[in-house]
Amino acid sequence: MSKLYIVPTPVGNLEDMTMRAVRVLQEVDCILAEDTRTSGILLKHYGIRTRMQSHHKFNEHQTVDAVVERLAAGETIALISDAGTPAISDPGFLLVRACRRAGVEVECLPGATAFVPALVDSGLPCDRFVFEGFLPQKKGRATRLNELATERRTMIFYEAPFRLVKTLEQMAAVFGADRQVSVSREISKIHEETLCGTFTELLARYAEKEPRGECVIIVEGTSLAEGKPRKNIKEKQQKIETTFKNKRL
């Protein structure tokens, strides 16, 4: 019977792959991979010889209909990303939605994702949280942060290492430099690290040593006393940037 399997893959340590995920990838007719070269390392490690096909953010709009047709015709297909669970800040949503609309069965396996261990490691409340993923890189970035200024739940963000300091500076200007924050990087890898403290404290740490590896930022939600959007954000951010640039010098 045809089915689309959403299969999580390790975010770092290859041993985080589940036995069920390995079996599914061995049994399906085809694996849709974000990057066949990256996924090829994982498949070789587990002796999986199933053929792969590229499916990434640059071609998914063009390939979704053809994949759904193949599924409807009887194929079983697995979707994987480079790391973690597909559709979580990775390609996958468009295909799952198209399958649901076409009446094609979809099954998502439980497994690795970066934000769950980062959230638990942070020591911040994890009974209620909001996942924001990557912020807009330019247009809409300041607007989105300002909208979150009154968010009372713990907030989760993804960020690239070369943008981390800039993002923390912008967040400090909006949320307040004394807000509690956690940054986890290289999750499940040899150099895994989680730093916790205020924005001021973490920025001071990164002024001494630049971060490496993909990062997950966990930000404390606002208290009732803080629950008002901050004004003059640009001016506050400039002051914060100047402070930490001077420290780097």
C-alpha atoms as a PDB file:
ATOM      1  CA  MET A   1       0.000   0.000   0.000  1.00  0.00           C
ATOM      2  CA  SER A   2       1.362   3.421  -0.957  1.00  0.00           C
ATOM      3  CA  LYS A   3       2.427   5.764   1.809  1.00  0.00           C
ATOM      4  CA  LEU A   4       4.641   8.770   2.423  1.00  0.00           C
ATOM      5  CA  TYR A   5       6.939   8.280   5.417  1.00  0.00           C
ATOM      6  CA  ILE A   6       8.450  11.305   7.142  1.00  0.00           C
ATOM      7  CA  VAL A   7      11.680   9.981   8.650  1.00  0.00           C
ATOM      8  CA  PRO A   8      13.750  11.991  11.147  1.00  0.00           C
ATOM      9  CA  THR A   9      17.527  11.635  10.892  1.00  0.00           C
ATOM     10  CA  PRO A  10      20.250  12.415  13.489  1.00  0.00           C
ATOM     11  CA  VAL A  11      21.113  16.069  14.138  1.00  0.00           C
ATOM     12  CA  GLY A  12      24.636  15.017  15.099  1.00  0.00           C
ATOM     13  CA  ASN A  13      25.508  11.581  16.440  1.00  0.00           C
ATOM     14  CA  LEU A  14      24.654   8.850  13.910  1.00  0.00           C
ATOM     15  CA  GLU A  15      23.702   6.554  16.800  1.00  0.00           C
ATOM     16  CA  ASP A  16      20.575   8.672  17.332  1.00  0.00           C
ATOM     17  CA  MET A  17      18.979   6.948  14.327  1.00  0.00           C
ATOM     18  CA  THR A  18      16.139   4.641  15.391  1.00  0.00           C
ATOM     19  CA  MET A  19      15.916   0.983  14.323  1.00  0.00           C
ATOM     20  CA  ARG A  20      12.497   1.650  12.844  1.00  0.00           C
ATOM     21  CA  ALA A  21      13.802   4.546  10.753  1.00  0.00           C
ATOM     22  CA  VAL A  22      16.535   2.290   9.343  1.00  0.00           C
ATOM     23  CA  ARG A  23      14.007  -0.406   8.463  1.00  0.00           C
ATOM     24  CA  VAL A  24      11.644   2.035   6.742  1.00  0.00           C
ATOM     25  CA  LEU A  25      14.462   3.523   4.659  1.00  0.00           C
ATOM     26  CA  GLN A  26      15.494   0.009   3.612  1.00  0.00           C
ATOM     27  CA  GLU A  27      11.965  -0.995   2.604  1.00  0.00           C
ATOM     28  CA  VAL A  28      10.610   2.036   0.705  1.00  0.00           C
ATOM     29  CA  ASP A  29      10.846   2.346  -3.081  1.00  0.00           C
ATOM     30  CA  CYS A  30      12.574   5.726  -2.988  1.00  0.00           C
ATOM     31  CA  ILE A  31      14.063   8.230  -0.532  1.00  0.00           C
ATOM     32  CA  LEU A  32      13.581  11.954  -1.098  1.00  0.00           C
ATOM     33  CA  ALA A  33      16.649  13.671   0.352  1.00  0.00           C
ATOM     34  CA  GLU A  34      17.425  17.343   0.940  1.00  0.00           C
ATOM     35  CA  ASP A  35      21.055  16.729  -0.087  1.00  0.00           C
ATOM     36  CA  THR A  36      21.852  13.293  -1.518  1.00  0.00           C
ATOM     37  CA  ARG A  37      25.576  13.692  -0.707  1.00  0.00           C
ATOM     38  CA  THR A  38      24.917  14.399   2.975  1.00  0.00           C
ATOM     39  CA  SER A  39      22.280  11.675   3.273  1.00  0.00           C
ATOM     40  CA  GLY A  40      24.540   9.266   1.389  1.00  0.00           C
ATOM     41  CA  ILE A  41      26.912   9.217   4.374  1.00  0.00           C
ATOM     42  CA  LEU A  42      24.064   8.191   6.700  1.00  0.00           C
ATOM     43  CA  LEU A  43      22.714   5.565   4.318  1.00  0.00           C
ATOM     44  CA  LYS A  44      26.156   4.057   3.758  1.00  0.00           C
ATOM     45  CA  HIS A  45      26.721   3.888   7.527  1.00  0.00           C
ATOM     46  CA  TYR A  46      23.588   1.737   7.921  1.00  0.00           C
ATOM     47  CA  GLY A  47      23.989  -0.258   4.710  1.00  0.00           C
ATOM     48  CA  ILE A  48      20.851   1.246   3.125  1.00  0.00           C
ATOM     49  CA  ARG A  49      20.895   0.903  -0.665  1.00  0.00           C
ATOM     50  CA  THR A  50      17.510   2.444  -1.520  1.00  0.00           C
ATOM     51  CA  ARG A  51      17.735   4.900  -4.412  1.00  0.00           C
ATOM     52  CA  MET A  52      17.613   8.595  -3.566  1.00  0.00           C
ATOM     53  CA  GLN A  53      16.143  11.625  -5.291  1.00  0.00           C
ATOM     54  CA  SER A  54      16.787  15.296  -4.495  1.00  0.00           C
ATOM     55  CA  HIS A  55      13.954  17.157  -2.798  1.00  0.00           C
ATOM     56  CA  HIS A  56      14.896  20.558  -1.398  1.00  0.00           C
ATOM     57  CA  LYS A  57      13.579  24.101  -0.993  1.00  0.00           C
ATOM     58  CA  PHE A  58      14.758  25.094  -4.480  1.00  0.00           C
ATOM     59  CA  ASN A  59      12.822  22.383  -6.349  1.00  0.00           C
ATOM     60  CA  GLU A  60       9.985  21.238  -4.060  1.00  0.00           C
ATOM     61  CA  HIS A  61       7.392  23.537  -5.670  1.00  0.00           C
ATOM     62  CA  GLN A  62       8.111  21.895  -9.036  1.00  0.00           C
ATOM     63  CA  THR A  63       8.348  18.268  -7.830  1.00  0.00           C
ATOM     64  CA  VAL A  64       5.483  17.947  -5.323  1.00  0.00           C
ATOM     65  CA  ASP A  65       2.777  17.065  -7.874  1.00  0.00           C
ATOM     66  CA  ALA A  66       4.921  14.394  -9.542  1.00  0.00           C
ATOM     67  CA  VAL A  67       5.741  12.800  -6.174  1.00  0.00           C
ATOM     68  CA  VAL A  68       2.063  12.708  -5.196  1.00  0.00           C
ATOM     69  CA  GLU A  69       1.228  11.048  -8.532  1.00  0.00           C
ATOM     70  CA  ARG A  70       3.842   8.368  -7.891  1.00  0.00           C
ATOM     71  CA  LEU A  71       2.441   7.755  -4.414  1.00  0.00           C
ATOM     72  CA  ALA A  72      -1.095   7.561  -5.768  1.00  0.00           C
ATOM     73  CA  ALA A  73       0.136   5.005  -8.318  1.00  0.00           C
ATOM     74  CA  GLY A  74       1.365   2.713  -5.535  1.00  0.00           C
ATOM     75  CA  GLU A  75       4.910   3.714  -4.586  1.00  0.00           C
ATOM     76  CA  THR A  76       6.079   3.999  -0.989  1.00  0.00           C
ATOM     77  CA  ILE A  77       8.390   6.973  -0.471  1.00  0.00           C
ATOM     78  CA  ALA A  78      10.363   8.309   2.496  1.00  0.00           C
ATOM     79  CA  LEU A  79      11.241  11.956   2.992  1.00  0.00           C
ATOM     80  CA  ILE A  80      14.380  12.877   4.947  1.00  0.00           C
ATOM     81  CA  SER A  81      16.257  16.125   5.553  1.00  0.00           C
ATOM     82  CA  ASP A  82      19.965  16.667   6.193  1.00  0.00           C
ATOM     83  CA  ALA A  83      19.337  16.515   9.940  1.00  0.00           C
ATOM     84  CA  GLY A  84      16.303  16.331  12.215  1.00  0.00           C
ATOM     85  CA  THR A  85      12.644  16.012  11.319  1.00  0.00           C
ATOM     86  CA  PRO A  86      11.542  17.108   7.825  1.00  0.00           C
ATOM     87  CA  ALA A  87       9.155  20.103   7.659  1.00  0.00           C
ATOM     88  CA  ILE A  88      10.600  21.610  10.860  1.00  0.00           C
ATOM     89  CA  SER A  89      12.529  24.539   9.333  1.00  0.00           C
ATOM     90  CA  ASP A  90      13.212  22.192   6.397  1.00  0.00           C
ATOM     91  CA  PRO A  91      11.338  21.086   3.248  1.00  0.00           C
ATOM     92  CA  GLY A  92       8.352  18.821   3.821  1.00  0.00           C
ATOM     93  CA  PHE A  93       5.247  20.867   4.572  1.00  0.00           C
ATOM     94  CA  LEU A  94       4.250  21.337   0.918  1.00  0.00           C
ATOM     95  CA  LEU A  95       4.511  17.621   0.171  1.00  0.00           C
ATOM     96  CA  VAL A  96       2.624  16.535   3.291  1.00  0.00           C
ATOM     97  CA  ARG A  97      -0.151  19.030   2.577  1.00  0.00           C
ATOM     98  CA  ALA A  98      -0.426  17.880  -1.050  1.00  0.00           C
ATOM     99  CA  CYS A  99      -0.595  14.233   0.038  1.00  0.00           C
ATOM    100  CA  ARG A 100      -3.326  14.957   2.576  1.00  0.00           C
ATOM    101  CA  ARG A 101      -5.365  16.814  -0.034  1.00  0.00           C
ATOM    102  CA  ALA A 102      -4.937  13.940  -2.486  1.00  0.00           C
ATOM    103  CA  GLY A 103      -5.927  11.309   0.052  1.00  0.00           C
ATOM    104  CA  VAL A 104      -2.451   9.751   0.180  1.00  0.00           C
ATOM    105  CA  GLU A 105      -1.541   8.235   3.548  1.00  0.00           C
ATOM    106  CA  VAL A 106       1.217  10.007   5.502  1.00  0.00           C
ATOM    107  CA  GLU A 107       3.080   8.666   8.529  1.00  0.00           C
ATOM    108  CA  CYS A 108       5.647  10.667  10.491  1.00  0.00           C
ATOM    109  CA  LEU A 109       8.061   8.629  12.585  1.00  0.00           C
ATOM    110  CA  PRO A 110       9.097  10.033  15.990  1.00  0.00           C
ATOM    111  CA  GLY A 111      12.757  10.958  16.217  1.00  0.00           C
ATOM    112  CA  ALA A 112      15.470  13.583  16.330  1.00  0.00           C
ATOM    113  CA  THR A 113      14.871  17.311  16.283  1.00  0.00           C
ATOM    114  CA  ALA A 114      17.236  20.012  17.532  1.00  0.00           C
ATOM    115  CA  PHE A 115      14.905  22.198  19.577  1.00  0.00           C
ATOM    116  CA  VAL A 116      13.645  19.590  22.075  1.00  0.00           C
ATOM    117  CA  PRO A 117      17.006  18.816  23.748  1.00  0.00           C
ATOM    118  CA  ALA A 118      17.899  22.524  23.599  1.00  0.00           C
ATOM    119  CA  LEU A 119      14.659  23.445  25.352  1.00  0.00           C
ATOM    120  CA  VAL A 120      15.086  20.844  28.078  1.00  0.00           C
ATOM    121  CA  ASP A 121      18.769  21.742  28.579  1.00  0.00           C
ATOM    122  CA  SER A 122      17.962  25.458  28.939  1.00  0.00           C
ATOM    123  CA  GLY A 123      16.396  25.164  32.387  1.00  0.00           C
ATOM    124  CA  LEU A 124      13.633  27.506  31.225  1.00  0.00           C
ATOM    125  CA  PRO A 125       9.947  26.535  31.529  1.00  0.00           C
ATOM    126  CA  CYS A 126       9.036  23.891  28.940  1.00  0.00           C
ATOM    127  CA  ASP A 127       5.408  23.274  29.863  1.00  0.00           C
ATOM    128  CA  ARG A 128       4.338  25.983  27.381  1.00  0.00           C
ATOM    129  CA  PHE A 129       6.513  27.226  24.532  1.00  0.00           C
ATOM    130  CA  VAL A 130       6.374  28.691  21.030  1.00  0.00           C
ATOM    131  CA  PHE A 131       8.610  27.583  18.156  1.00  0.00           C
ATOM    132  CA  GLU A 132       9.658  30.455  15.863  1.00  0.00           C
ATOM    133  CA  GLY A 133      12.404  28.739  13.860  1.00  0.00           C
ATOM    134  CA  PHE A 134      14.530  31.130  11.790  1.00  0.00           C
ATOM    135  CA  LEU A 135      13.619  34.813  11.958  1.00  0.00           C
ATOM    136  CA  PRO A 136      13.287  36.715   8.671  1.00  0.00           C
ATOM    137  CA  GLN A 137      16.816  37.710   7.630  1.00  0.00           C
ATOM    138  CA  LYS A 138      15.953  41.282   6.689  1.00  0.00           C
ATOM    139  CA  LYS A 139      12.432  42.467   5.932  1.00  0.00           C
ATOM    140  CA  GLY A 140      10.034  41.857   8.804  1.00  0.00           C
ATOM    141  CA  ARG A 141      12.715  40.858  11.320  1.00  0.00           C
ATOM    142  CA  ALA A 142      12.300  43.843  13.657  1.00  0.00           C
ATOM    143  CA  THR A 143       8.515  43.659  13.331  1.00  0.00           C
ATOM    144  CA  ARG A 144       8.459  39.987  14.298  1.00  0.00           C
ATOM    145  CA  LEU A 145      10.691  40.524  17.320  1.00  0.00           C
ATOM    146  CA  ASN A 146       8.540  43.415  18.495  1.00  0.00           C
ATOM    147  CA  GLU A 147       5.426  41.243  18.162  1.00  0.00           C
ATOM    148  CA  LEU A 148       7.093  38.717  20.471  1.00  0.00           C
ATOM    149  CA  ALA A 149       8.000  41.338  23.098  1.00  0.00           C
ATOM    150  CA  THR A 150       4.863  40.465  25.083  1.00  0.00           C
ATOM    151  CA  GLU A 151       5.045  36.671  24.537  1.00  0.00           C
ATOM    152  CA  ARG A 152       4.725  34.948  27.929  1.00  0.00           C
ATOM    153  CA  ARG A 153       5.686  31.461  26.757  1.00  0.00           C
ATOM    154  CA  THR A 154       9.284  30.280  26.343  1.00  0.00           C
ATOM    155  CA  MET A 155      10.442  31.114  22.794  1.00  0.00           C
ATOM    156  CA  ILE A 156      12.556  28.917  20.518  1.00  0.00           C
ATOM    157  CA  PHE A 157      14.628  30.163  17.578  1.00  0.00           C
ATOM    158  CA  TYR A 158      17.112  28.641  15.137  1.00  0.00           C
ATOM    159  CA  GLU A 159      20.126  30.651  14.006  1.00  0.00           C
ATOM    160  CA  ALA A 160      23.315  30.262  11.983  1.00  0.00           C
ATOM    161  CA  PRO A 161      26.569  30.846  13.905  1.00  0.00           C
ATOM    162  CA  PHE A 162      27.661  33.834  11.800  1.00  0.00           C
ATOM    163  CA  ARG A 163      24.391  35.656  12.622  1.00  0.00           C
ATOM    164  CA  LEU A 164      24.137  34.606  16.278  1.00  0.00           C
ATOM    165  CA  VAL A 165      25.738  37.646  17.935  1.00  0.00           C
ATOM    166  CA  LYS A 166      23.762  40.098  15.790  1.00  0.00           C
ATOM    167  CA  THR A 167      20.538  38.244  16.614  1.00  0.00           C
ATOM    168  CA  LEU A 168      21.287  38.238  20.349  1.00  0.00           C
ATOM    169  CA  GLU A 169      21.974  41.982  20.197  1.00  0.00           C
ATOM    170  CA  GLN A 170      18.647  42.580  18.448  1.00  0.00           C
ATOM    171  CA  MET A 171      16.809  40.386  20.942  1.00  0.00           C
ATOM    172  CA  ALA A 172      18.455  42.150  23.885  1.00  0.00           C
ATOM    173  CA  ALA A 173      17.227  45.478  22.525  1.00  0.00           C
ATOM    174  CA  VAL A 174      13.651  44.186  22.231  1.00  0.00           C
ATOM    175  CA  PHE A 175      13.318  41.769  25.167  1.00  0.00           C
ATOM    176  CA  GLY A 176      15.693  43.504  27.580  1.00  0.00           C
ATOM    177  CA  ALA A 177      19.360  42.765  28.180  1.00  0.00           C
ATOM    178  CA  ASP A 178      18.586  41.131  31.544  1.00  0.00           C
ATOM    179  CA  ARG A 179      16.172  38.533  30.092  1.00  0.00           C
ATOM    180  CA  GLN A 180      17.240  34.890  30.583  1.00  0.00           C
ATOM    181  CA  VAL A 181      18.408  33.133  27.421  1.00  0.00           C
ATOM    182  CA  SER A 182      20.071  29.864  26.479  1.00  0.00           C
ATOM    183  CA  VAL A 183      22.107  29.036  23.379  1.00  0.00           C
ATOM    184  CA  SER A 184      22.748  25.398  22.430  1.00  0.00           C
ATOM    185  CA  ARG A 185      25.066  24.541  19.567  1.00  0.00           C
ATOM    186  CA  GLU A 186      26.553  21.413  17.985  1.00  0.00           C
ATOM    187  CA  ILE A 187      23.727  19.366  19.548  1.00  0.00           C
ATOM    188  CA  SER A 188      24.550  15.646  19.799  1.00  0.00           C
ATOM    189  CA  LYS A 189      28.086  16.245  18.477  1.00  0.00           C
ATOM    190  CA  ILE A 190      31.520  16.037  20.118  1.00  0.00           C
ATOM    191  CA  HIS A 191      31.696  19.770  20.877  1.00  0.00           C
ATOM    192  CA  GLU A 192      28.088  20.151  22.061  1.00  0.00           C
ATOM    193  CA  GLU A 193      27.643  23.194  24.296  1.00  0.00           C
ATOM    194  CA  THR A 194      24.808  24.995  26.072  1.00  0.00           C
ATOM    195  CA  LEU A 195      25.361  28.443  27.592  1.00  0.00           C
ATOM    196  CA  CYS A 196      22.740  29.980  29.888  1.00  0.00           C
ATOM    197  CA  GLY A 197      22.440  33.458  31.397  1.00  0.00           C
ATOM    198  CA  THR A 198      21.203  36.916  30.513  1.00  0.00           C
ATOM    199  CA  PHE A 199      21.637  38.432  27.059  1.00  0.00           C
ATOM    200  CA  THR A 200      24.372  40.631  28.543  1.00  0.00           C
ATOM    201  CA  GLU A 201      26.260  37.624  29.918  1.00  0.00           C
ATOM    202  CA  LEU A 202      26.039  35.551  26.739  1.00  0.00           C
ATOM    203  CA  LEU A 203      27.066  38.450  24.516  1.00  0.00           C
ATOM    204  CA  ALA A 204      30.106  38.975  26.727  1.00  0.00           C
ATOM    205  CA  ARG A 205      31.025  35.291  26.300  1.00  0.00           C
ATOM    206  CA  TYR A 206      30.679  35.418  22.521  1.00  0.00           C
ATOM    207  CA  ALA A 207      32.696  38.641  22.383  1.00  0.00           C
ATOM    208  CA  GLU A 208      35.612  36.552  23.690  1.00  0.00           C
ATOM    209  CA  LYS A 209      35.021  33.518  21.469  1.00  0.00           C
ATOM    210  CA  GLU A 210      33.005  33.368  18.246  1.00  0.00           C
ATOM    211  CA  PRO A 211      30.404  30.567  18.103  1.00  0.00           C
ATOM    212  CA  ARG A 212      30.571  27.665  15.676  1.00  0.00           C
ATOM    213  CA  GLY A 213      27.909  25.201  14.607  1.00  0.00           C
ATOM    214  CA  GLU A 214      24.161  25.605  14.127  1.00  0.00           C
ATOM    215  CA  CYS A 215      22.501  27.231  17.144  1.00  0.00           C
ATOM    216  CA  VAL A 216      19.209  26.949  19.007  1.00  0.00           C
ATOM    217  CA  ILE A 217      18.243  30.029  21.045  1.00  0.00           C
ATOM    218  CA  ILE A 218      15.796  29.591  23.933  1.00  0.00           C
ATOM    219  CA  VAL A 219      14.398  32.843  25.368  1.00  0.00           C
ATOM    220  CA  GLU A 220      12.482  33.276  28.599  1.00  0.00           C
ATOM    221  CA  GLY A 221       8.924  34.541  28.151  1.00  0.00           C
ATOM    222  CA  THR A 222       7.968  37.955  29.469  1.00  0.00           C
ATOM    223  CA  SER A 223       6.574  38.421  32.982  1.00  0.00           C
ATOM    224  CA  LEU A 224       3.365  40.349  33.560  1.00  0.00           C
ATOM    225  CA  ALA A 225       5.403  43.330  34.732  1.00  0.00           C
ATOM    226  CA  GLU A 226       7.398  43.420  31.496  1.00  0.00           C
ATOM    227  CA  GLY A 227       4.500  42.839  29.145  1.00  0.00           C
ATOM    228  CA  LYS A 228       4.766  45.995  27.044  1.00  0.00           C
ATOM    229  CA  PRO A 229       6.567  46.367  23.680  1.00  0.00           C
ATOM    230  CA  ARG A 230       9.796  48.327  24.072  1.00  0.00           C
ATOM    231  CA  LYS A 231      10.259  51.620  22.255  1.00  0.00           C
ATOM    232  CA  ASN A 232      13.372  53.083  20.627  1.00  0.00           C
ATOM    233  CA  ILE A 233      14.542  49.579  19.731  1.00  0.00           C
ATOM    234  CA  LYS A 234      16.989  50.796  17.087  1.00  0.00           C
ATOM    235  CA  GLU A 235      18.674  53.140  19.533  1.00  0.00           C
ATOM    236  CA  LYS A 236      18.938  50.409  22.205  1.00  0.00           C
ATOM    237  CA  GLN A 237      20.365  47.948  19.681  1.00  0.00           C
ATOM    238  CA  GLN A 238      23.005  50.454  18.536  1.00  0.00           C
ATOM    239  CA  LYS A 239      24.106  50.984  22.132  1.00  0.00           C
ATOM    240  CA  ILE A 240      24.348  47.219  22.717  1.00  0.00           C
ATOM    241  CA  GLU A 241      26.288  46.707  19.468  1.00  0.00           C
ATOM    242  CA  THR A 242      28.739  49.498  20.372  1.00  0.00           C
ATOM    243  CA  THR A 243      29.312  48.040  23.837  1.00  0.00           C
ATOM    244  CA  PHE A 244      30.205  44.570  22.575  1.00  0.00           C
ATOM    245  CA  LYS A 245      32.220  45.824  19.594  1.00  0.00           C
ATOM    246  CA  ASN A 246      34.400  47.737  22.045  1.00  0.00           C
ATOM    247  CA  LYS A 247      34.808  44.575  24.127  1.00  0.00           C
ATOM    248  CA  ARG A 248      35.997  42.666  21.049  1.00  0.00           C
ATOM    249  CA  LEU A 249      38.610  45.356  20.456  1.00  0.00           C
END
